[in-house]
N, C-alpha and C. Protein backbone atom coordinates (compact mmCIF):
# COMPACT_ATOMS: atom_id res chain seq x y z
N MET A 1 185.21 201.81 12.30
CA MET A 1 186.21 200.97 11.67
C MET A 1 186.04 199.53 12.15
N GLU A 2 186.18 198.60 11.21
CA GLU A 2 186.05 197.18 11.52
C GLU A 2 187.40 196.49 11.29
N LEU A 3 187.85 195.72 12.29
CA LEU A 3 189.14 195.04 12.18
C LEU A 3 189.02 193.59 12.64
N SER A 4 189.78 192.73 11.96
CA SER A 4 189.96 191.36 12.43
C SER A 4 191.14 191.34 13.40
N ALA A 5 191.37 190.21 14.04
CA ALA A 5 192.51 190.10 14.96
C ALA A 5 193.82 190.28 14.22
N ARG A 6 193.93 189.71 13.04
CA ARG A 6 195.17 189.87 12.26
C ARG A 6 195.38 191.31 11.87
N GLN A 7 194.33 191.98 11.42
CA GLN A 7 194.46 193.39 11.06
C GLN A 7 194.83 194.22 12.29
N LEU A 8 194.27 193.89 13.43
CA LEU A 8 194.62 194.60 14.66
C LEU A 8 196.10 194.50 14.94
N ARG A 9 196.67 193.31 14.79
CA ARG A 9 198.11 193.14 15.04
C ARG A 9 198.92 193.97 14.05
N THR A 10 198.52 193.97 12.79
CA THR A 10 199.22 194.79 11.79
C THR A 10 199.15 196.26 12.16
N GLY A 11 197.97 196.71 12.56
CA GLY A 11 197.78 198.11 12.90
C GLY A 11 198.54 198.53 14.14
N ILE A 12 198.66 197.64 15.10
CA ILE A 12 199.44 197.94 16.29
C ILE A 12 200.91 198.10 15.93
N ARG A 13 201.40 197.23 15.06
CA ARG A 13 202.80 197.31 14.62
C ARG A 13 203.04 198.53 13.76
N SER A 14 202.13 198.76 12.79
CA SER A 14 202.31 199.87 11.85
C SER A 14 200.95 200.42 11.44
N PRO A 15 200.47 201.46 12.11
CA PRO A 15 199.18 202.05 11.74
C PRO A 15 199.11 202.47 10.28
N ALA A 16 200.21 203.02 9.77
CA ALA A 16 200.22 203.49 8.38
C ALA A 16 200.07 202.32 7.41
N ALA A 17 200.72 201.20 7.69
CA ALA A 17 200.64 200.04 6.81
C ALA A 17 199.22 199.50 6.76
N LEU A 18 198.57 199.40 7.90
CA LEU A 18 197.20 198.90 7.90
C LEU A 18 196.26 199.89 7.24
N ALA A 19 196.46 201.17 7.50
CA ALA A 19 195.61 202.18 6.88
C ALA A 19 195.66 202.08 5.36
N ARG A 20 196.86 201.85 4.82
CA ARG A 20 197.00 201.68 3.36
C ARG A 20 196.22 200.45 2.90
N GLN A 21 196.35 199.35 3.64
CA GLN A 21 195.64 198.13 3.27
C GLN A 21 194.13 198.37 3.27
N LEU A 22 193.63 199.08 4.26
CA LEU A 22 192.20 199.32 4.34
C LEU A 22 191.71 200.24 3.22
N ARG A 23 192.53 201.22 2.86
CA ARG A 23 192.14 202.10 1.75
C ARG A 23 192.09 201.32 0.44
N ILE A 24 193.07 200.44 0.22
CA ILE A 24 193.10 199.64 -0.99
C ILE A 24 191.90 198.69 -1.02
N ALA A 25 191.62 198.06 0.12
CA ALA A 25 190.50 197.11 0.19
C ALA A 25 189.16 197.80 -0.06
N ALA A 26 189.06 199.07 0.32
CA ALA A 26 187.82 199.81 0.09
C ALA A 26 187.57 200.05 -1.40
N VAL A 27 188.68 200.19 -2.15
CA VAL A 27 188.57 200.43 -3.59
C VAL A 27 188.49 199.12 -4.37
N ALA A 28 189.30 198.14 -3.96
CA ALA A 28 189.35 196.85 -4.65
C ALA A 28 189.26 195.73 -3.62
N PRO A 29 188.06 195.39 -3.18
CA PRO A 29 187.89 194.34 -2.17
C PRO A 29 188.44 193.00 -2.64
N ILE A 30 188.99 192.24 -1.71
CA ILE A 30 189.52 190.91 -2.03
C ILE A 30 188.35 189.94 -2.14
N ALA A 31 188.32 189.18 -3.23
CA ALA A 31 187.24 188.21 -3.44
C ALA A 31 187.25 187.15 -2.35
N PRO A 32 186.08 186.72 -1.88
CA PRO A 32 186.01 185.72 -0.80
C PRO A 32 186.72 184.41 -1.13
N ASP A 33 186.79 184.05 -2.44
CA ASP A 33 187.40 182.77 -2.81
C ASP A 33 188.89 182.89 -3.12
N THR A 34 189.50 184.05 -2.79
CA THR A 34 190.94 184.21 -3.00
C THR A 34 191.70 183.22 -2.12
N PRO A 35 192.63 182.41 -2.69
CA PRO A 35 193.38 181.44 -1.88
C PRO A 35 194.16 182.12 -0.76
N ARG A 36 194.08 181.56 0.42
CA ARG A 36 194.82 182.07 1.57
C ARG A 36 195.67 180.95 2.16
N SER A 37 196.63 181.34 2.98
CA SER A 37 197.48 180.34 3.61
C SER A 37 196.64 179.38 4.46
N PRO A 38 196.83 178.07 4.27
CA PRO A 38 196.06 177.11 5.07
C PRO A 38 196.72 176.79 6.41
N GLN A 39 197.87 177.42 6.70
CA GLN A 39 198.62 177.03 7.89
C GLN A 39 197.82 177.17 9.17
N ARG A 40 197.23 178.34 9.42
CA ARG A 40 196.50 178.54 10.67
C ARG A 40 195.26 177.64 10.74
N PRO A 41 194.48 177.48 9.66
CA PRO A 41 193.36 176.53 9.74
C PRO A 41 193.81 175.11 10.07
N TRP A 42 194.95 174.69 9.52
CA TRP A 42 195.48 173.36 9.86
C TRP A 42 195.80 173.28 11.35
N ILE A 43 196.49 174.31 11.83
CA ILE A 43 196.88 174.34 13.24
C ILE A 43 195.64 174.31 14.14
N ASP A 44 194.66 175.13 13.83
CA ASP A 44 193.45 175.20 14.65
C ASP A 44 192.72 173.86 14.67
N ALA A 45 192.63 173.21 13.50
CA ALA A 45 191.94 171.93 13.43
C ALA A 45 192.65 170.87 14.28
N SER A 46 193.99 170.86 14.22
CA SER A 46 194.74 169.89 15.02
C SER A 46 194.66 170.20 16.51
N LEU A 47 194.60 171.48 16.86
CA LEU A 47 194.42 171.85 18.26
C LEU A 47 193.06 171.39 18.79
N ARG A 48 192.05 171.41 17.95
CA ARG A 48 190.74 170.91 18.37
C ARG A 48 190.84 169.43 18.74
N ARG A 49 191.54 168.66 17.92
CA ARG A 49 191.74 167.24 18.21
C ARG A 49 192.56 167.06 19.49
N TYR A 50 193.53 167.92 19.68
CA TYR A 50 194.39 167.86 20.87
C TYR A 50 193.56 168.04 22.15
N PHE A 51 192.74 169.05 22.17
CA PHE A 51 191.94 169.31 23.36
C PHE A 51 190.84 168.27 23.53
N ASP A 52 190.30 167.78 22.41
CA ASP A 52 189.29 166.72 22.49
C ASP A 52 189.93 165.39 22.91
N GLY A 53 191.22 165.23 22.60
CA GLY A 53 191.92 163.99 22.89
C GLY A 53 192.71 164.03 24.18
N HIS A 54 192.20 164.73 25.17
CA HIS A 54 192.83 164.79 26.50
C HIS A 54 194.25 165.35 26.45
N ARG A 55 194.45 166.30 25.54
CA ARG A 55 195.73 167.03 25.44
C ARG A 55 196.90 166.08 25.19
N SER A 56 196.68 165.16 24.28
CA SER A 56 197.72 164.21 23.89
C SER A 56 198.58 164.79 22.78
N VAL A 57 199.89 164.85 23.01
CA VAL A 57 200.81 165.37 21.99
C VAL A 57 200.80 164.46 20.77
N ASP A 58 200.72 163.16 21.00
CA ASP A 58 200.70 162.22 19.88
C ASP A 58 199.50 162.45 18.99
N VAL A 59 198.35 162.70 19.61
CA VAL A 59 197.14 162.99 18.84
C VAL A 59 197.32 164.28 18.05
N LEU A 60 197.88 165.28 18.69
CA LEU A 60 198.08 166.58 18.05
C LEU A 60 198.93 166.46 16.79
N LEU A 61 200.10 165.85 16.92
CA LEU A 61 201.03 165.79 15.79
C LEU A 61 200.58 164.80 14.72
N ALA A 62 199.95 163.72 15.14
CA ALA A 62 199.44 162.76 14.15
C ALA A 62 198.33 163.38 13.32
N ASP A 63 197.45 164.12 13.97
CA ASP A 63 196.37 164.78 13.24
C ASP A 63 196.93 165.79 12.25
N TYR A 64 197.91 166.56 12.69
CA TYR A 64 198.51 167.56 11.79
C TYR A 64 199.18 166.88 10.60
N GLU A 65 199.88 165.79 10.87
CA GLU A 65 200.54 165.05 9.78
C GLU A 65 199.52 164.53 8.78
N ASP A 66 198.45 163.92 9.28
CA ASP A 66 197.42 163.39 8.38
C ASP A 66 196.73 164.50 7.61
N ARG A 67 196.46 165.60 8.30
CA ARG A 67 195.73 166.70 7.69
C ARG A 67 196.54 167.35 6.56
N THR A 68 197.82 167.56 6.81
CA THR A 68 198.64 168.24 5.81
C THR A 68 199.02 167.31 4.65
N LYS A 69 199.20 166.03 4.95
CA LYS A 69 199.51 165.08 3.88
C LYS A 69 198.37 164.99 2.88
N GLY A 70 197.15 165.12 3.36
CA GLY A 70 196.00 165.01 2.49
C GLY A 70 195.65 166.27 1.75
N SER A 71 196.41 167.33 1.97
CA SER A 71 196.11 168.60 1.32
C SER A 71 196.62 168.63 -0.12
N LYS A 72 195.83 169.27 -0.97
CA LYS A 72 196.26 169.45 -2.36
C LYS A 72 197.48 170.37 -2.45
N ARG A 73 197.72 171.14 -1.38
CA ARG A 73 198.85 172.08 -1.39
C ARG A 73 200.06 171.52 -0.65
N HIS A 74 200.11 170.20 -0.47
CA HIS A 74 201.17 169.60 0.33
C HIS A 74 202.56 169.96 -0.20
N GLU A 75 202.74 169.91 -1.51
CA GLU A 75 204.06 170.20 -2.09
C GLU A 75 204.36 171.69 -2.07
N SER A 76 203.41 172.51 -2.52
CA SER A 76 203.67 173.95 -2.62
C SER A 76 203.75 174.62 -1.26
N ALA A 77 203.15 173.99 -0.25
CA ALA A 77 203.14 174.60 1.08
C ALA A 77 204.07 173.86 2.04
N ALA A 78 205.09 173.22 1.52
CA ALA A 78 205.99 172.41 2.36
C ALA A 78 206.60 173.22 3.50
N SER A 79 207.03 174.45 3.20
CA SER A 79 207.65 175.28 4.23
C SER A 79 206.63 175.67 5.30
N GLU A 80 205.42 176.03 4.87
CA GLU A 80 204.36 176.38 5.83
C GLU A 80 204.01 175.19 6.72
N ILE A 81 203.99 174.01 6.12
CA ILE A 81 203.66 172.81 6.88
C ILE A 81 204.72 172.54 7.94
N ALA A 82 205.98 172.63 7.54
CA ALA A 82 207.08 172.39 8.48
C ALA A 82 207.07 173.40 9.61
N ASN A 83 206.86 174.67 9.28
CA ASN A 83 206.83 175.71 10.31
C ASN A 83 205.62 175.53 11.23
N GLY A 84 204.51 175.11 10.67
CA GLY A 84 203.33 174.86 11.48
C GLY A 84 203.57 173.75 12.49
N ARG A 85 204.24 172.70 12.07
CA ARG A 85 204.55 171.60 12.99
C ARG A 85 205.48 172.07 14.12
N LYS A 86 206.46 172.89 13.78
CA LYS A 86 207.36 173.44 14.81
C LYS A 86 206.57 174.23 15.85
N MET A 87 205.61 175.00 15.38
CA MET A 87 204.82 175.81 16.31
C MET A 87 203.97 174.93 17.21
N LEU A 88 203.43 173.85 16.67
CA LEU A 88 202.63 172.94 17.48
C LEU A 88 203.49 172.23 18.53
N VAL A 89 204.71 171.87 18.15
CA VAL A 89 205.62 171.24 19.10
C VAL A 89 205.95 172.23 20.23
N ARG A 90 206.19 173.48 19.88
CA ARG A 90 206.45 174.51 20.91
C ARG A 90 205.25 174.67 21.82
N PHE A 91 204.08 174.75 21.20
CA PHE A 91 202.87 174.90 22.00
C PHE A 91 202.71 173.74 22.99
N ALA A 92 202.85 172.51 22.50
CA ALA A 92 202.65 171.34 23.35
C ALA A 92 203.66 171.30 24.49
N ASP A 93 204.89 171.72 24.21
CA ASP A 93 205.92 171.72 25.25
C ASP A 93 205.56 172.70 26.36
N MET A 94 205.03 173.86 25.99
CA MET A 94 204.66 174.85 27.00
C MET A 94 203.34 174.50 27.68
N ASP A 95 202.45 173.85 26.95
CA ASP A 95 201.12 173.57 27.49
C ASP A 95 201.13 172.43 28.50
N LYS A 96 202.15 171.59 28.46
CA LYS A 96 202.13 170.39 29.31
C LYS A 96 202.13 170.72 30.80
N THR A 97 202.58 171.93 31.16
CA THR A 97 202.59 172.31 32.58
C THR A 97 201.35 173.11 32.97
N GLN A 98 200.44 173.32 32.02
CA GLN A 98 199.27 174.15 32.27
C GLN A 98 198.10 173.30 32.78
N PRO A 99 197.21 173.90 33.56
CA PRO A 99 196.00 173.17 33.99
C PRO A 99 195.04 173.00 32.83
N ASP A 100 194.06 172.14 33.00
CA ASP A 100 193.03 171.97 31.97
C ASP A 100 192.24 173.27 31.83
N PRO A 101 192.05 173.73 30.60
CA PRO A 101 191.34 175.00 30.40
C PRO A 101 189.84 174.87 30.62
N THR A 102 189.21 176.00 30.89
CA THR A 102 187.77 176.04 31.03
C THR A 102 187.11 176.00 29.65
N ARG A 103 187.65 176.79 28.73
CA ARG A 103 187.14 176.83 27.36
C ARG A 103 188.30 176.89 26.39
N VAL A 104 188.08 176.38 25.19
CA VAL A 104 189.11 176.44 24.15
C VAL A 104 188.46 176.85 22.84
N GLN A 105 189.24 177.53 22.02
CA GLN A 105 188.84 177.93 20.68
C GLN A 105 187.44 178.54 20.66
N MET A 106 187.29 179.57 21.46
CA MET A 106 186.02 180.28 21.48
C MET A 106 185.81 180.99 20.14
N ARG A 107 184.62 180.93 19.64
CA ARG A 107 184.33 181.43 18.29
C ARG A 107 184.63 182.92 18.15
N ARG A 108 184.86 183.32 16.91
CA ARG A 108 185.06 184.74 16.63
C ARG A 108 183.74 185.48 16.84
N GLU A 109 183.86 186.65 17.44
CA GLU A 109 182.67 187.47 17.69
C GLU A 109 183.04 188.93 17.54
N ARG A 110 182.11 189.69 16.97
CA ARG A 110 182.34 191.12 16.83
C ARG A 110 181.94 191.82 18.12
N VAL A 111 182.83 192.67 18.62
CA VAL A 111 182.57 193.44 19.83
C VAL A 111 183.01 194.88 19.58
N GLU A 112 182.23 195.82 20.05
CA GLU A 112 182.60 197.23 19.98
C GLU A 112 183.65 197.51 21.05
N VAL A 113 184.82 197.93 20.63
CA VAL A 113 185.93 198.22 21.55
C VAL A 113 186.43 199.63 21.28
N LEU A 114 186.26 200.50 22.24
CA LEU A 114 186.75 201.88 22.14
C LEU A 114 186.27 202.57 20.87
N GLY A 115 185.02 202.30 20.51
CA GLY A 115 184.42 202.96 19.36
C GLY A 115 184.68 202.30 18.03
N HIS A 116 185.31 201.12 18.03
CA HIS A 116 185.62 200.41 16.78
C HIS A 116 185.20 198.95 16.91
N GLY A 117 184.88 198.32 15.78
CA GLY A 117 184.46 196.93 15.79
C GLY A 117 185.65 196.00 15.67
N LEU A 118 185.85 195.12 16.65
CA LEU A 118 186.91 194.12 16.60
C LEU A 118 186.27 192.74 16.57
N THR A 119 186.69 191.92 15.62
CA THR A 119 186.22 190.54 15.54
C THR A 119 187.38 189.62 15.88
N MET A 120 187.26 188.94 17.02
CA MET A 120 188.33 188.09 17.52
C MET A 120 187.74 186.82 18.11
N GLY A 121 188.56 185.79 18.17
CA GLY A 121 188.23 184.60 18.93
C GLY A 121 189.13 184.55 20.15
N VAL A 122 189.09 183.45 20.88
CA VAL A 122 189.96 183.23 22.03
C VAL A 122 190.44 181.79 21.96
N ASP A 123 191.74 181.58 22.05
CA ASP A 123 192.26 180.22 21.90
C ASP A 123 192.08 179.39 23.16
N VAL A 124 192.41 179.94 24.31
CA VAL A 124 192.31 179.21 25.58
C VAL A 124 191.84 180.18 26.65
N ALA A 125 190.94 179.72 27.51
CA ALA A 125 190.44 180.58 28.60
C ALA A 125 190.30 179.77 29.88
N TYR A 126 190.71 180.38 30.99
CA TYR A 126 190.61 179.77 32.31
C TYR A 126 189.74 180.66 33.19
N GLN A 127 188.74 180.08 33.80
CA GLN A 127 187.90 180.84 34.72
C GLN A 127 188.43 180.65 36.14
N THR A 128 188.75 181.75 36.81
CA THR A 128 189.27 181.70 38.17
C THR A 128 188.39 182.55 39.07
N SER A 129 188.62 182.46 40.36
CA SER A 129 187.83 183.25 41.31
C SER A 129 188.08 184.74 41.14
N ALA A 130 189.24 185.10 40.55
CA ALA A 130 189.58 186.51 40.35
C ALA A 130 189.13 187.03 38.99
N GLY A 131 188.64 186.14 38.14
CA GLY A 131 188.25 186.54 36.79
C GLY A 131 188.86 185.60 35.77
N TRP A 132 188.63 185.89 34.50
CA TRP A 132 189.13 185.03 33.42
C TRP A 132 190.58 185.34 33.09
N ILE A 133 191.33 184.30 32.82
CA ILE A 133 192.66 184.43 32.22
C ILE A 133 192.52 183.91 30.80
N ILE A 134 192.83 184.76 29.83
CA ILE A 134 192.68 184.36 28.43
C ILE A 134 194.04 184.31 27.75
N ARG A 135 194.15 183.40 26.80
CA ARG A 135 195.43 183.19 26.11
C ARG A 135 195.21 183.23 24.61
N HIS A 136 196.01 184.03 23.93
CA HIS A 136 195.98 184.09 22.48
C HIS A 136 197.25 183.47 21.92
N LEU A 137 197.09 182.54 20.99
CA LEU A 137 198.22 181.89 20.32
C LEU A 137 198.47 182.61 19.01
N ILE A 138 199.62 183.23 18.88
CA ILE A 138 199.94 184.01 17.69
C ILE A 138 200.88 183.21 16.80
N THR A 139 200.46 182.97 15.56
CA THR A 139 201.27 182.17 14.64
C THR A 139 201.86 183.00 13.51
N ASP A 140 201.53 184.29 13.44
CA ASP A 140 202.17 185.15 12.45
C ASP A 140 203.28 185.94 13.13
N ASP A 141 203.89 186.85 12.39
CA ASP A 141 205.03 187.60 12.93
C ASP A 141 204.73 189.10 12.97
N GLU A 142 203.46 189.44 13.13
CA GLU A 142 203.07 190.84 13.08
C GLU A 142 203.52 191.63 14.30
N ILE A 143 203.45 191.04 15.48
CA ILE A 143 203.86 191.76 16.69
C ILE A 143 204.97 191.00 17.39
N ARG A 144 206.02 191.75 17.78
CA ARG A 144 207.13 191.14 18.51
C ARG A 144 207.59 192.01 19.68
N LEU A 145 207.43 193.31 19.55
CA LEU A 145 207.85 194.21 20.61
C LEU A 145 206.92 194.08 21.82
N THR A 146 207.48 194.24 23.00
CA THR A 146 206.70 194.09 24.23
C THR A 146 205.53 195.06 24.26
N GLU A 147 205.76 196.31 23.88
CA GLU A 147 204.68 197.30 23.90
C GLU A 147 203.56 196.92 22.95
N HIS A 148 203.92 196.36 21.79
CA HIS A 148 202.89 195.93 20.84
C HIS A 148 202.06 194.79 21.42
N MET A 149 202.72 193.86 22.09
CA MET A 149 201.99 192.76 22.71
C MET A 149 201.07 193.25 23.82
N ARG A 150 201.52 194.27 24.55
CA ARG A 150 200.67 194.82 25.61
C ARG A 150 199.41 195.46 25.03
N LEU A 151 199.57 196.18 23.94
CA LEU A 151 198.41 196.79 23.30
C LEU A 151 197.45 195.72 22.80
N TYR A 152 198.00 194.67 22.23
CA TYR A 152 197.15 193.57 21.73
C TYR A 152 196.44 192.90 22.91
N ALA A 153 197.15 192.68 24.00
CA ALA A 153 196.54 192.07 25.18
C ALA A 153 195.43 192.95 25.74
N THR A 154 195.63 194.26 25.69
CA THR A 154 194.60 195.18 26.15
C THR A 154 193.34 195.07 25.31
N ALA A 155 193.53 195.03 23.99
CA ALA A 155 192.38 194.87 23.10
C ALA A 155 191.69 193.54 23.35
N ALA A 156 192.48 192.48 23.57
CA ALA A 156 191.91 191.16 23.82
C ALA A 156 191.07 191.14 25.09
N ALA A 157 191.56 191.83 26.13
CA ALA A 157 190.82 191.88 27.39
C ALA A 157 189.50 192.63 27.23
N LEU A 158 189.55 193.80 26.61
CA LEU A 158 188.33 194.59 26.41
C LEU A 158 187.33 193.83 25.53
N HIS A 159 187.85 193.16 24.51
CA HIS A 159 186.99 192.38 23.63
C HIS A 159 186.32 191.26 24.40
N PHE A 160 187.09 190.52 25.21
CA PHE A 160 186.52 189.38 25.95
C PHE A 160 185.42 189.84 26.90
N GLU A 161 185.64 190.97 27.54
CA GLU A 161 184.65 191.46 28.49
C GLU A 161 183.37 191.93 27.80
N GLY A 162 183.46 192.20 26.50
CA GLY A 162 182.27 192.60 25.75
C GLY A 162 181.59 191.45 25.03
N ARG A 163 182.19 190.26 25.06
CA ARG A 163 181.61 189.11 24.38
C ARG A 163 180.32 188.67 25.07
N SER A 164 179.45 188.05 24.29
CA SER A 164 178.21 187.51 24.87
C SER A 164 178.49 186.37 25.83
N ASP A 165 179.63 185.68 25.63
CA ASP A 165 180.00 184.56 26.50
C ASP A 165 181.26 184.87 27.31
N GLY A 166 181.60 186.15 27.45
CA GLY A 166 182.80 186.55 28.17
C GLY A 166 182.52 186.91 29.61
N GLY A 167 183.42 187.71 30.18
CA GLY A 167 183.28 188.12 31.57
C GLY A 167 184.50 188.90 32.00
N PRO A 168 184.56 189.30 33.27
CA PRO A 168 185.70 190.08 33.77
C PRO A 168 187.02 189.33 33.57
N VAL A 169 188.02 190.05 33.10
CA VAL A 169 189.34 189.46 32.82
C VAL A 169 190.31 189.84 33.92
N SER A 170 191.03 188.84 34.42
CA SER A 170 192.06 189.12 35.43
C SER A 170 193.46 189.13 34.84
N GLY A 171 193.61 188.56 33.64
CA GLY A 171 194.93 188.56 33.00
C GLY A 171 194.86 188.06 31.57
N VAL A 172 195.85 188.45 30.80
CA VAL A 172 195.94 188.04 29.40
C VAL A 172 197.34 187.51 29.13
N GLU A 173 197.41 186.41 28.40
CA GLU A 173 198.68 185.85 27.97
C GLU A 173 198.75 185.84 26.45
N VAL A 174 199.94 186.11 25.92
CA VAL A 174 200.18 186.05 24.49
C VAL A 174 201.34 185.09 24.26
N TRP A 175 201.10 184.04 23.48
CA TRP A 175 202.15 183.08 23.15
C TRP A 175 202.51 183.28 21.68
N LEU A 176 203.74 183.70 21.43
CA LEU A 176 204.22 183.87 20.06
C LEU A 176 204.89 182.57 19.62
N LEU A 177 204.15 181.75 18.91
CA LEU A 177 204.62 180.40 18.62
C LEU A 177 205.71 180.32 17.56
N ARG A 178 205.94 181.41 16.83
CA ARG A 178 207.04 181.40 15.87
C ARG A 178 208.40 181.55 16.55
N HIS A 179 208.38 181.89 17.81
CA HIS A 179 209.62 182.13 18.55
C HIS A 179 209.68 181.19 19.75
N ASP A 180 210.80 180.56 19.94
CA ASP A 180 210.94 179.54 20.98
C ASP A 180 210.65 180.10 22.36
N ARG A 181 209.60 179.55 22.99
CA ARG A 181 209.21 179.89 24.35
C ARG A 181 209.01 181.39 24.55
N ARG A 182 208.50 182.08 23.54
CA ARG A 182 208.23 183.52 23.66
C ARG A 182 206.81 183.68 24.21
N VAL A 183 206.73 183.93 25.50
CA VAL A 183 205.46 184.04 26.20
C VAL A 183 205.44 185.33 26.99
N ALA A 184 204.31 186.01 26.96
CA ALA A 184 204.16 187.23 27.75
C ALA A 184 202.78 187.24 28.39
N GLY A 185 202.69 187.81 29.59
CA GLY A 185 201.40 187.89 30.26
C GLY A 185 201.35 189.10 31.18
N TRP A 186 200.14 189.64 31.33
CA TRP A 186 199.97 190.83 32.15
C TRP A 186 198.68 190.73 32.97
N PRO A 187 198.72 191.18 34.21
CA PRO A 187 197.50 191.24 35.03
C PRO A 187 196.63 192.41 34.59
N ARG A 188 195.40 192.38 35.02
CA ARG A 188 194.44 193.42 34.66
C ARG A 188 194.96 194.81 35.02
N SER A 189 195.64 194.95 36.16
CA SER A 189 196.11 196.26 36.61
C SER A 189 197.05 196.91 35.61
N LEU A 190 197.90 196.13 34.95
CA LEU A 190 198.82 196.69 33.96
C LEU A 190 198.12 196.92 32.63
N ILE A 191 197.18 196.04 32.29
CA ILE A 191 196.45 196.19 31.03
C ILE A 191 195.65 197.49 31.03
N GLU A 192 195.05 197.81 32.16
CA GLU A 192 194.24 199.03 32.24
C GLU A 192 195.04 200.29 31.91
N LYS A 193 196.35 200.25 32.18
CA LYS A 193 197.19 201.41 31.92
C LYS A 193 197.45 201.63 30.43
N ARG A 194 197.09 200.64 29.60
CA ARG A 194 197.33 200.76 28.16
C ARG A 194 196.07 201.08 27.38
N VAL A 195 194.95 201.26 28.06
CA VAL A 195 193.69 201.50 27.34
C VAL A 195 193.76 202.79 26.54
N GLU A 196 194.27 203.85 27.14
CA GLU A 196 194.37 205.12 26.42
C GLU A 196 195.28 205.01 25.21
N ASN A 197 196.40 204.30 25.35
CA ASN A 197 197.32 204.11 24.23
C ASN A 197 196.64 203.34 23.10
N LEU A 198 195.87 202.32 23.46
CA LEU A 198 195.16 201.54 22.44
C LEU A 198 194.14 202.41 21.73
N ALA A 199 193.40 203.22 22.47
CA ALA A 199 192.41 204.10 21.86
C ALA A 199 193.06 205.04 20.86
N LEU A 200 194.21 205.60 21.22
CA LEU A 200 194.92 206.49 20.31
C LEU A 200 195.36 205.76 19.05
N ARG A 201 195.84 204.51 19.21
CA ARG A 201 196.30 203.74 18.06
C ARG A 201 195.14 203.40 17.12
N LEU A 202 194.02 202.99 17.67
CA LEU A 202 192.86 202.68 16.84
C LEU A 202 192.34 203.90 16.10
N ASP A 203 192.29 205.02 16.78
CA ASP A 203 191.83 206.25 16.14
C ASP A 203 192.80 206.68 15.04
N GLU A 204 194.09 206.48 15.27
CA GLU A 204 195.09 206.82 14.25
C GLU A 204 194.89 205.98 12.99
N ILE A 205 194.64 204.70 13.17
CA ILE A 205 194.39 203.81 12.03
C ILE A 205 193.15 204.26 11.28
N ALA A 206 192.08 204.58 12.03
CA ALA A 206 190.83 204.98 11.40
C ALA A 206 191.01 206.26 10.59
N ARG A 207 191.75 207.23 11.13
CA ARG A 207 191.99 208.47 10.38
C ARG A 207 192.77 208.18 9.11
N GLY A 208 193.79 207.33 9.22
CA GLY A 208 194.59 206.99 8.04
C GLY A 208 193.78 206.25 7.00
N ALA A 209 192.91 205.34 7.43
CA ALA A 209 192.08 204.58 6.49
C ALA A 209 191.10 205.49 5.76
N ALA A 210 190.68 206.57 6.45
CA ALA A 210 189.75 207.54 5.84
C ALA A 210 190.47 208.59 5.01
N GLY A 211 191.81 208.50 5.02
CA GLY A 211 192.59 209.46 4.24
C GLY A 211 192.76 210.80 4.90
N ARG A 212 192.58 210.82 6.25
CA ARG A 212 192.74 212.07 6.97
C ARG A 212 194.08 212.08 7.69
N ALA A 213 194.70 213.22 7.76
CA ALA A 213 195.99 213.35 8.44
C ALA A 213 195.79 213.23 9.93
N ALA A 214 196.84 212.77 10.62
CA ALA A 214 196.78 212.61 12.07
C ALA A 214 196.68 213.98 12.72
């Protein structure tokens, strides 16, 4: 089974919902040129300027304003634009107390995780003497429960350790930017306790996608 990070979050929240999506996609694949929400690409592009611009909030918000104003979807996506700006403001407020990261916006890479292919990137990574601390910025509303975030963090850790440019993980943080100051983090010792649960969830999704009963 092959999953993107977004699909993984959906599957963690509701294995049955993702399994249905995968079955439908197998019969009627979505065309590559199908219009998608530009909100996350806008956010990612402005974050690149933010990190390149010495983590300046002014640079971050000015870039986002310029980028969205110039979009052909400026009027139709007004709500997405406004929500995206709120998330960037939340991010900047929380990030101002953080040290300079070792790496940012690491490219998406496919990694075999517990017998399934996961394609994920990494938003922020810090290299420490104890291992890497990785941070994922979540801008959708797929996962909100603590247990769901733990499973996602577990997948993120296993994925990072399998990356060609990754390494041992000492902790994972998840920032839910749609919710004010909603931040969660776990050390490696707690993440390891969720590996079996994650394996069961991934296998459940795969069985459902193949049309087999649990």
